[in-house]
Amino acid sequence: MDVLQSLPLPSIDRPFGIHLWPIFDKAFELVVGYPASEFRFEEGVTPMSTFKETAIALVAYYVIIFGGREFMKNRPAFKLNTLFMIHNLYLTLISGTLLALFIEQLLPTVWRHGIFYAICDHDGGWTRPLIVLYYLNYLTKYLELIDTVFLFLKKKPLTFLHTYHHGATALLCYTQLIGLTAVQWVVIDINLLVHVVMYWYYFQSARGIRIWWKEWITRLQIIQFVIDLGFIYFASYTYFSSTYFPWAPNMGKCAGEEFAAFSGMAVISSYLFLFISFYVATYKKAAKAGRPRRNTGKQAVIDMAKFETREWLQWAESLSLPPRLLVPIAPVNPSILQSAGAVDPAQIQWFMPLRGQRPFASA
């Protein structure tokens, strides 16, 4: 038995075959000067642990991104492909590392004590190692704000969904840290898994590799929020029932403050609504309108009056066009323009669906 334990085989206590925490502990010490096992989250002492710091950071974020969008309005877009690749790669690696560390901490707890203990008991979901990971995950939300910086520097649209989601997530993570919620690991772990997939997709896209499953990223996000809300509403229900309505069926109190429960329910519910709306508008309505989501290699007539260049490029990317160049074909047959249903045929351009070059007017 001792021989088997010495081998790097996966087990409940070592899901990856080796103990990751000692390695992380030493790496943490190299960066901050003390082991992760000695970390203490103290409001007002730990960096970014007060509402004032969080609010200042988020106000600065919105000033920078919307001010940056105005600054770039009459300037050419930056080509930041290499930096964008690096950004997405390190977020993929950070998300994957944190997820592995969370799994190592939580799997033994869930296996031996059950899921309720893990999400509702302080000793289950609020241990010292988990607090370190909660805090590091919270800090990564500020790194993810750089996503939006790339958008305005590349002159891409700043949608409400994107800007709201990034700011609200940083604030949500702060409220859960201050609110001492044990259930937050469920939301964080699923989010880390989705981010591994999402940032890997963006990394590959920046390399010029076309991936067919882009639509599945949004589906995964919607599934994520449904699962999140199941756990959050359950934990909140059993807490409020046991506290204020003890006659109602409940499983006892769940660890955490009431304001954290309300913020979790409100923010994640809004995410579910917004992401479903985005999915329907982006994929389902386009399909019903007869717009192909994947290009078949045939020529297409596009009403360029309805698309600015950047919007056309974003739309073309959503169709997963094959890796060739966008070049116009001329001359255009007027009968084809008329059949396209355009009010003004001069506004219609005829394009071969090839990727890489911005659309321009045909002769």
Protein backbone atom coordinates (compact mmCIF):
# COMPACT_ATOMS: atom_id res chain seq x y z
CA MET A 1 0.00 0.00 0.00
CA ASP A 2 2.84 2.39 0.84
CA VAL A 3 4.39 1.64 -2.55
CA LEU A 4 1.12 2.51 -4.31
CA GLN A 5 0.83 5.77 -2.37
CA SER A 6 4.32 6.76 -3.46
CA LEU A 7 3.38 6.38 -7.13
CA PRO A 8 1.93 9.42 -8.95
CA LEU A 9 -1.51 7.83 -9.33
CA PRO A 10 -4.75 9.85 -9.19
CA SER A 11 -6.77 9.46 -6.00
CA ILE A 12 -9.38 11.38 -4.03
CA ASP A 13 -6.67 13.30 -2.17
CA ARG A 14 -4.45 13.59 -5.25
CA PRO A 15 -6.82 13.93 -8.22
CA PHE A 16 -3.92 14.79 -10.54
CA GLY A 17 -1.51 12.15 -9.23
CA ILE A 18 0.64 14.61 -7.28
CA HIS A 19 -0.06 17.14 -4.56
CA LEU A 20 -0.33 20.52 -6.28
CA TRP A 21 -0.63 22.67 -3.16
CA PRO A 22 3.02 22.33 -1.96
CA ILE A 23 4.20 23.38 -5.43
CA PHE A 24 1.80 26.33 -5.44
CA ASP A 25 2.80 27.21 -1.87
CA LYS A 26 6.45 27.60 -2.88
CA ALA A 27 5.60 29.53 -6.05
CA PHE A 28 3.39 31.88 -4.02
CA GLU A 29 6.26 32.48 -1.58
CA LEU A 30 8.64 33.34 -4.42
CA VAL A 31 6.25 36.05 -5.60
CA VAL A 32 4.94 37.61 -2.38
CA GLY A 33 7.57 36.61 0.17
CA TYR A 34 5.55 34.21 2.33
CA PRO A 35 3.79 30.85 1.75
CA ALA A 36 0.20 30.73 0.57
CA SER A 37 -0.66 28.77 3.72
CA GLU A 38 0.09 31.93 5.75
CA PHE A 39 -2.17 34.21 3.69
CA ARG A 40 -4.94 35.99 5.57
CA PHE A 41 -7.67 38.01 3.89
CA GLU A 42 -8.20 41.10 6.04
CA GLU A 43 -10.56 43.85 4.94
CA GLY A 44 -8.68 47.15 4.84
CA VAL A 45 -5.27 45.45 4.97
CA THR A 46 -5.21 43.08 2.00
CA PRO A 47 -4.92 44.95 -1.34
CA MET A 48 -8.27 45.52 -3.11
CA SER A 49 -10.17 44.40 -0.01
CA THR A 50 -12.32 47.50 0.52
CA PHE A 51 -15.36 48.75 -1.35
CA LYS A 52 -13.60 52.07 -1.95
CA GLU A 53 -10.71 50.36 -3.77
CA THR A 54 -13.09 48.22 -5.81
CA ALA A 55 -15.28 51.19 -6.73
CA ILE A 56 -12.29 53.33 -7.78
CA ALA A 57 -10.95 50.50 -9.95
CA LEU A 58 -14.30 49.98 -11.68
CA VAL A 59 -14.93 53.71 -12.22
CA ALA A 60 -11.43 53.96 -13.72
CA TYR A 61 -12.24 50.98 -15.95
CA TYR A 62 -15.35 52.62 -17.39
CA VAL A 63 -13.65 56.00 -17.82
CA ILE A 64 -10.75 54.35 -19.67
CA ILE A 65 -12.81 52.17 -21.99
CA PHE A 66 -15.41 54.76 -22.98
CA GLY A 67 -12.85 57.55 -23.09
CA GLY A 68 -10.62 55.26 -25.14
CA ARG A 69 -13.44 54.55 -27.56
CA GLU A 70 -13.90 58.28 -28.15
CA PHE A 71 -10.13 58.76 -28.49
CA MET A 72 -9.97 56.04 -31.15
CA LYS A 73 -13.01 57.26 -33.09
CA ASN A 74 -11.00 59.16 -35.73
CA ARG A 75 -7.83 57.09 -35.48
CA PRO A 76 -6.87 53.86 -37.23
CA ALA A 77 -7.28 50.61 -35.30
CA PHE A 78 -4.22 49.08 -33.70
CA LYS A 79 -3.06 45.66 -34.81
CA LEU A 80 -2.31 43.97 -31.50
CA ASN A 81 -2.46 40.34 -32.53
CA THR A 82 0.67 39.20 -30.67
CA LEU A 83 -0.32 40.98 -27.45
CA PHE A 84 -3.86 39.61 -27.80
CA MET A 85 -2.48 36.09 -28.16
CA ILE A 86 -0.33 36.51 -25.04
CA HIS A 87 -3.24 37.96 -23.08
CA ASN A 88 -5.54 35.06 -23.91
CA LEU A 89 -2.86 32.44 -23.36
CA TYR A 90 -1.96 33.60 -19.84
CA LEU A 91 -5.65 33.86 -18.89
CA THR A 92 -6.14 30.30 -20.16
CA LEU A 93 -3.20 29.08 -18.05
CA ILE A 94 -4.22 31.04 -14.95
CA SER A 95 -7.81 29.78 -15.17
CA GLY A 96 -6.65 26.18 -15.65
CA THR A 97 -4.19 26.38 -12.75
CA LEU A 98 -6.74 27.84 -10.35
CA LEU A 99 -9.32 25.25 -11.42
CA ALA A 100 -6.88 22.39 -10.74
CA LEU A 101 -6.07 23.82 -7.28
CA PHE A 102 -9.76 24.19 -6.46
CA ILE A 103 -10.47 20.60 -7.52
CA GLU A 104 -7.64 19.30 -5.33
CA GLN A 105 -9.04 21.15 -2.30
CA LEU A 106 -12.72 20.39 -2.85
CA LEU A 107 -12.87 16.82 -4.14
CA PRO A 108 -11.90 15.21 -0.79
CA THR A 109 -14.41 17.43 1.04
CA VAL A 110 -17.31 16.64 -1.27
CA TRP A 111 -16.41 12.93 -1.35
CA ARG A 112 -16.19 12.52 2.43
CA HIS A 113 -18.76 15.03 3.70
CA GLY A 114 -21.21 15.60 0.86
CA ILE A 115 -22.17 18.56 -1.29
CA PHE A 116 -24.29 20.33 1.34
CA TYR A 117 -21.38 20.44 3.77
CA ALA A 118 -19.13 21.79 1.01
CA ILE A 119 -21.46 24.63 -0.01
CA CYS A 120 -23.02 25.58 3.33
CA ASP A 121 -20.49 24.87 6.09
CA HIS A 122 -17.60 27.22 6.79
CA ASP A 123 -15.31 24.25 7.38
CA GLY A 124 -16.34 22.89 3.99
CA GLY A 125 -16.25 25.92 1.70
CA TRP A 126 -14.29 28.53 3.64
CA THR A 127 -10.98 26.88 4.48
CA ARG A 128 -7.67 28.80 4.43
CA PRO A 129 -6.50 27.30 1.13
CA LEU A 130 -9.86 28.12 -0.47
CA ILE A 131 -9.70 31.72 0.78
CA VAL A 132 -6.35 32.12 -1.00
CA LEU A 133 -7.89 30.79 -4.20
CA TYR A 134 -11.02 32.95 -3.83
CA TYR A 135 -8.81 36.02 -3.50
CA LEU A 136 -6.61 35.14 -6.47
CA ASN A 137 -9.69 34.47 -8.59
CA TYR A 138 -11.01 37.89 -7.54
CA LEU A 139 -7.77 39.54 -8.70
CA THR A 140 -7.98 37.83 -12.09
CA LYS A 141 -11.22 39.72 -12.71
CA TYR A 142 -9.14 42.89 -12.98
CA LEU A 143 -6.83 41.20 -15.48
CA GLU A 144 -9.88 40.27 -17.53
CA LEU A 145 -10.82 43.95 -17.79
CA ILE A 146 -7.96 44.21 -20.29
CA ASP A 147 -10.26 42.31 -22.69
CA THR A 148 -12.16 45.56 -23.19
CA VAL A 149 -9.00 47.60 -23.71
CA PHE A 150 -8.19 45.39 -26.69
CA LEU A 151 -11.70 45.97 -28.04
CA PHE A 152 -11.52 49.76 -28.16
CA LEU A 153 -7.92 49.80 -29.38
CA LYS A 154 -8.97 47.52 -32.24
CA LYS A 155 -12.08 49.71 -32.78
CA LYS A 156 -14.55 46.93 -32.08
CA PRO A 157 -17.98 47.66 -30.56
CA LEU A 158 -18.29 47.94 -26.77
CA THR A 159 -21.57 46.17 -26.12
CA PHE A 160 -23.61 46.57 -22.95
CA LEU A 161 -23.33 42.83 -22.27
CA HIS A 162 -19.53 42.91 -22.38
CA THR A 163 -18.96 46.09 -20.37
CA TYR A 164 -21.61 45.29 -17.76
CA HIS A 165 -20.51 41.67 -17.36
CA HIS A 166 -16.82 42.50 -16.80
CA GLY A 167 -17.44 45.21 -14.22
CA ALA A 168 -20.23 43.37 -12.40
CA THR A 169 -18.16 40.17 -12.11
CA ALA A 170 -15.33 41.96 -10.32
CA LEU A 171 -17.85 43.53 -7.94
CA LEU A 172 -19.61 40.19 -7.42
CA CYS A 173 -16.36 38.43 -6.48
CA TYR A 174 -15.65 41.23 -4.00
CA THR A 175 -19.07 40.88 -2.33
CA GLN A 176 -18.63 37.12 -1.98
CA LEU A 177 -15.20 37.52 -0.39
CA ILE A 178 -16.47 40.11 2.08
CA GLY A 179 -19.68 38.15 2.58
CA LEU A 180 -17.81 34.94 3.53
CA THR A 181 -19.99 32.71 1.34
CA ALA A 182 -19.11 29.03 1.17
CA VAL A 183 -21.19 28.37 -1.95
CA GLN A 184 -19.10 30.70 -4.11
CA TRP A 185 -16.69 27.92 -5.09
CA VAL A 186 -19.39 26.37 -7.28
CA VAL A 187 -19.80 29.56 -9.31
CA ILE A 188 -16.04 30.14 -9.47
CA ASP A 189 -15.13 26.60 -10.53
CA ILE A 190 -17.65 26.45 -13.37
CA ASN A 191 -16.59 29.93 -14.47
CA LEU A 192 -12.93 28.88 -14.52
CA LEU A 193 -13.79 25.86 -16.65
CA VAL A 194 -15.70 28.03 -19.13
CA HIS A 195 -12.84 30.55 -19.19
CA VAL A 196 -10.31 27.84 -20.01
CA VAL A 197 -12.41 26.98 -23.06
CA MET A 198 -13.20 30.59 -23.98
CA TYR A 199 -9.73 32.09 -23.69
CA TRP A 200 -8.23 29.09 -25.48
CA TYR A 201 -10.69 29.74 -28.31
CA TYR A 202 -9.64 33.40 -28.51
CA PHE A 203 -5.97 32.41 -28.40
CA GLN A 204 -6.46 30.03 -31.31
CA SER A 205 -8.49 32.60 -33.24
CA ALA A 206 -5.69 35.15 -32.81
CA ARG A 207 -3.36 32.56 -34.34
CA GLY A 208 -5.62 32.43 -37.38
CA ILE A 209 -7.10 29.02 -36.57
CA ARG A 210 -10.80 28.82 -37.28
CA ILE A 211 -12.76 26.80 -34.71
CA TRP A 212 -16.28 25.61 -35.49
CA TRP A 213 -17.61 25.50 -31.93
CA LYS A 214 -17.72 29.25 -31.17
CA GLU A 215 -21.49 29.06 -30.63
CA TRP A 216 -20.90 26.48 -27.89
CA ILE A 217 -19.04 29.04 -25.79
CA THR A 218 -22.26 31.02 -25.35
CA ARG A 219 -24.16 27.79 -24.71
CA LEU A 220 -21.67 26.82 -22.01
CA GLN A 221 -22.04 30.24 -20.40
CA ILE A 222 -25.82 29.87 -20.30
CA ILE A 223 -25.54 26.35 -18.83
CA GLN A 224 -23.07 27.75 -16.30
CA PHE A 225 -25.53 30.40 -15.09
CA VAL A 226 -28.39 27.90 -14.82
CA ILE A 227 -26.27 25.64 -12.58
CA ASP A 228 -25.00 28.66 -10.62
CA LEU A 229 -28.52 29.86 -9.89
CA GLY A 230 -29.61 26.39 -8.80
CA PHE A 231 -26.94 26.37 -6.09
CA ILE A 232 -27.29 30.05 -5.18
CA TYR A 233 -31.07 29.97 -4.84
CA PHE A 234 -30.92 26.73 -2.85
CA ALA A 235 -28.29 28.09 -0.44
CA SER A 236 -30.19 31.38 -0.10
CA TYR A 237 -33.53 29.64 0.39
CA THR A 238 -32.32 27.33 3.13
CA TYR A 239 -30.54 30.25 4.85
CA PHE A 240 -33.53 32.61 4.83
CA SER A 241 -36.01 29.84 5.64
CA SER A 242 -34.06 28.63 8.66
CA THR A 243 -33.47 32.21 9.83
CA TYR A 244 -36.85 33.87 9.29
CA PHE A 245 -39.32 31.06 8.48
CA PRO A 246 -38.21 28.05 10.55
CA TRP A 247 -41.57 26.39 9.97
CA ALA A 248 -40.78 26.10 6.24
CA PRO A 249 -38.83 23.08 4.95
CA ASN A 250 -35.10 23.79 5.02
CA MET A 251 -31.73 22.14 5.60
CA GLY A 252 -30.34 24.70 8.02
CA LYS A 253 -28.24 27.80 7.61
CA CYS A 254 -25.67 28.30 4.87
CA ALA A 255 -22.48 30.21 5.63
CA GLY A 256 -22.41 33.78 4.35
CA GLU A 257 -23.88 37.24 4.75
CA GLU A 258 -27.33 38.21 3.50
CA PHE A 259 -26.11 41.03 1.23
CA ALA A 260 -23.83 38.51 -0.51
CA ALA A 261 -26.81 36.23 -1.17
CA PHE A 262 -28.83 39.06 -2.70
CA SER A 263 -25.95 40.28 -4.86
CA GLY A 264 -25.28 36.74 -6.09
CA MET A 265 -28.92 36.12 -7.03
CA ALA A 266 -29.31 39.51 -8.72
CA VAL A 267 -26.09 39.52 -10.74
CA ILE A 268 -26.18 35.90 -11.94
CA SER A 269 -29.88 36.19 -12.81
CA SER A 270 -29.12 39.26 -14.93
CA TYR A 271 -26.31 37.35 -16.66
CA LEU A 272 -28.65 34.51 -17.57
CA PHE A 273 -31.19 36.90 -19.08
CA LEU A 274 -28.56 38.88 -21.01
CA PHE A 275 -26.70 35.86 -22.36
CA ILE A 276 -29.90 34.15 -23.50
CA SER A 277 -30.93 37.39 -25.25
CA PHE A 278 -27.50 37.59 -26.88
CA TYR A 279 -27.66 33.96 -28.00
CA VAL A 280 -31.12 34.34 -29.53
CA ALA A 281 -30.21 37.59 -31.31
CA THR A 282 -26.86 36.32 -32.57
CA TYR A 283 -27.64 32.76 -33.62
CA LYS A 284 -31.36 31.99 -33.66
CA LYS A 285 -32.72 35.14 -35.31
CA ALA A 286 -29.95 35.06 -37.90
CA ALA A 287 -30.85 31.46 -38.73
CA LYS A 288 -34.57 32.26 -39.05
CA ALA A 289 -33.75 35.17 -41.37
CA GLY A 290 -32.01 32.71 -43.66
CA ARG A 291 -28.53 34.02 -42.97
CA PRO A 292 -26.07 31.08 -43.09
CA ARG A 293 -24.00 30.55 -39.95
CA ARG A 294 -21.36 28.59 -41.81
CA ASN A 295 -20.16 29.58 -45.24
CA THR A 296 -20.52 26.96 -47.95
CA GLY A 297 -17.93 28.54 -50.26
CA LYS A 298 -20.57 30.14 -52.50
CA GLN A 299 -20.73 33.85 -53.27
CA ALA A 300 -23.00 36.03 -51.12
CA VAL A 301 -24.77 39.33 -51.64
CA ILE A 302 -24.38 41.60 -48.62
CA ASP A 303 -26.22 44.84 -47.98
CA MET A 304 -23.24 46.98 -47.01
CA ALA A 305 -25.51 49.91 -46.13
CA LYS A 306 -26.48 47.98 -43.00
CA PHE A 307 -22.96 47.12 -41.95
CA GLU A 308 -20.05 49.34 -41.06
CA THR A 309 -16.71 47.74 -41.82
CA ARG A 310 -16.05 46.59 -38.25
CA GLU A 311 -19.58 45.21 -37.91
CA TRP A 312 -19.20 43.31 -41.18
CA LEU A 313 -15.94 41.79 -39.99
CA GLN A 314 -17.53 40.78 -36.67
CA TRP A 315 -20.51 39.29 -38.52
CA ALA A 316 -18.22 37.45 -40.95
CA GLU A 317 -16.27 35.98 -38.03
CA SER A 318 -19.50 34.70 -36.45
CA LEU A 319 -20.18 32.73 -39.65
CA SER A 320 -16.88 30.84 -39.31
CA LEU A 321 -15.80 31.78 -42.83
CA PRO A 322 -13.08 29.56 -44.35
CA PRO A 323 -9.46 30.80 -44.04
CA ARG A 324 -9.17 32.76 -47.28
CA LEU A 325 -9.25 36.46 -48.19
CA LEU A 326 -12.23 38.74 -48.62
CA VAL A 327 -11.95 40.12 -52.15
CA PRO A 328 -14.63 41.67 -54.36
CA ILE A 329 -15.67 40.33 -57.73
CA ALA A 330 -16.73 42.79 -60.43
CA PRO A 331 -18.67 43.62 -62.43
CA VAL A 332 -21.97 42.93 -60.68
CA ASN A 333 -25.00 41.72 -62.60
CA PRO A 334 -27.85 44.24 -61.94
CA SER A 335 -30.45 41.45 -61.98
CA ILE A 336 -28.67 39.79 -59.06
CA LEU A 337 -28.75 43.07 -57.13
CA GLN A 338 -32.46 43.43 -57.76
CA SER A 339 -33.12 39.87 -56.59
CA ALA A 340 -31.30 40.66 -53.35
CA GLY A 341 -34.18 42.97 -52.48
CA ALA A 342 -32.07 46.12 -52.06
CA VAL A 343 -33.77 49.49 -52.21
CA ASP A 344 -30.64 50.94 -53.76
CA PRO A 345 -28.67 48.30 -55.74
CA ALA A 346 -25.63 50.59 -55.68
CA GLN A 347 -25.34 49.88 -51.97
CA ILE A 348 -24.93 46.14 -52.58
CA GLN A 349 -21.46 44.63 -53.00
CA TRP A 350 -20.60 41.20 -54.39
CA PHE A 351 -18.02 39.30 -52.31
CA MET A 352 -16.23 35.98 -52.48
CA PRO A 353 -16.25 34.66 -48.85
CA LEU A 354 -12.54 34.77 -48.18
CA ARG A 355 -10.97 35.92 -44.89
CA GLY A 356 -8.20 38.28 -43.91
CA GLN A 357 -8.65 41.51 -45.89
CA ARG A 358 -11.18 44.22 -45.12
CA PRO A 359 -14.11 44.55 -47.55
CA PHE A 360 -13.85 47.29 -50.14
CA ALA A 361 -16.00 48.56 -53.00
CA SER A 362 -16.03 46.64 -56.24
CA ALA A 363 -15.37 48.41 -59.53
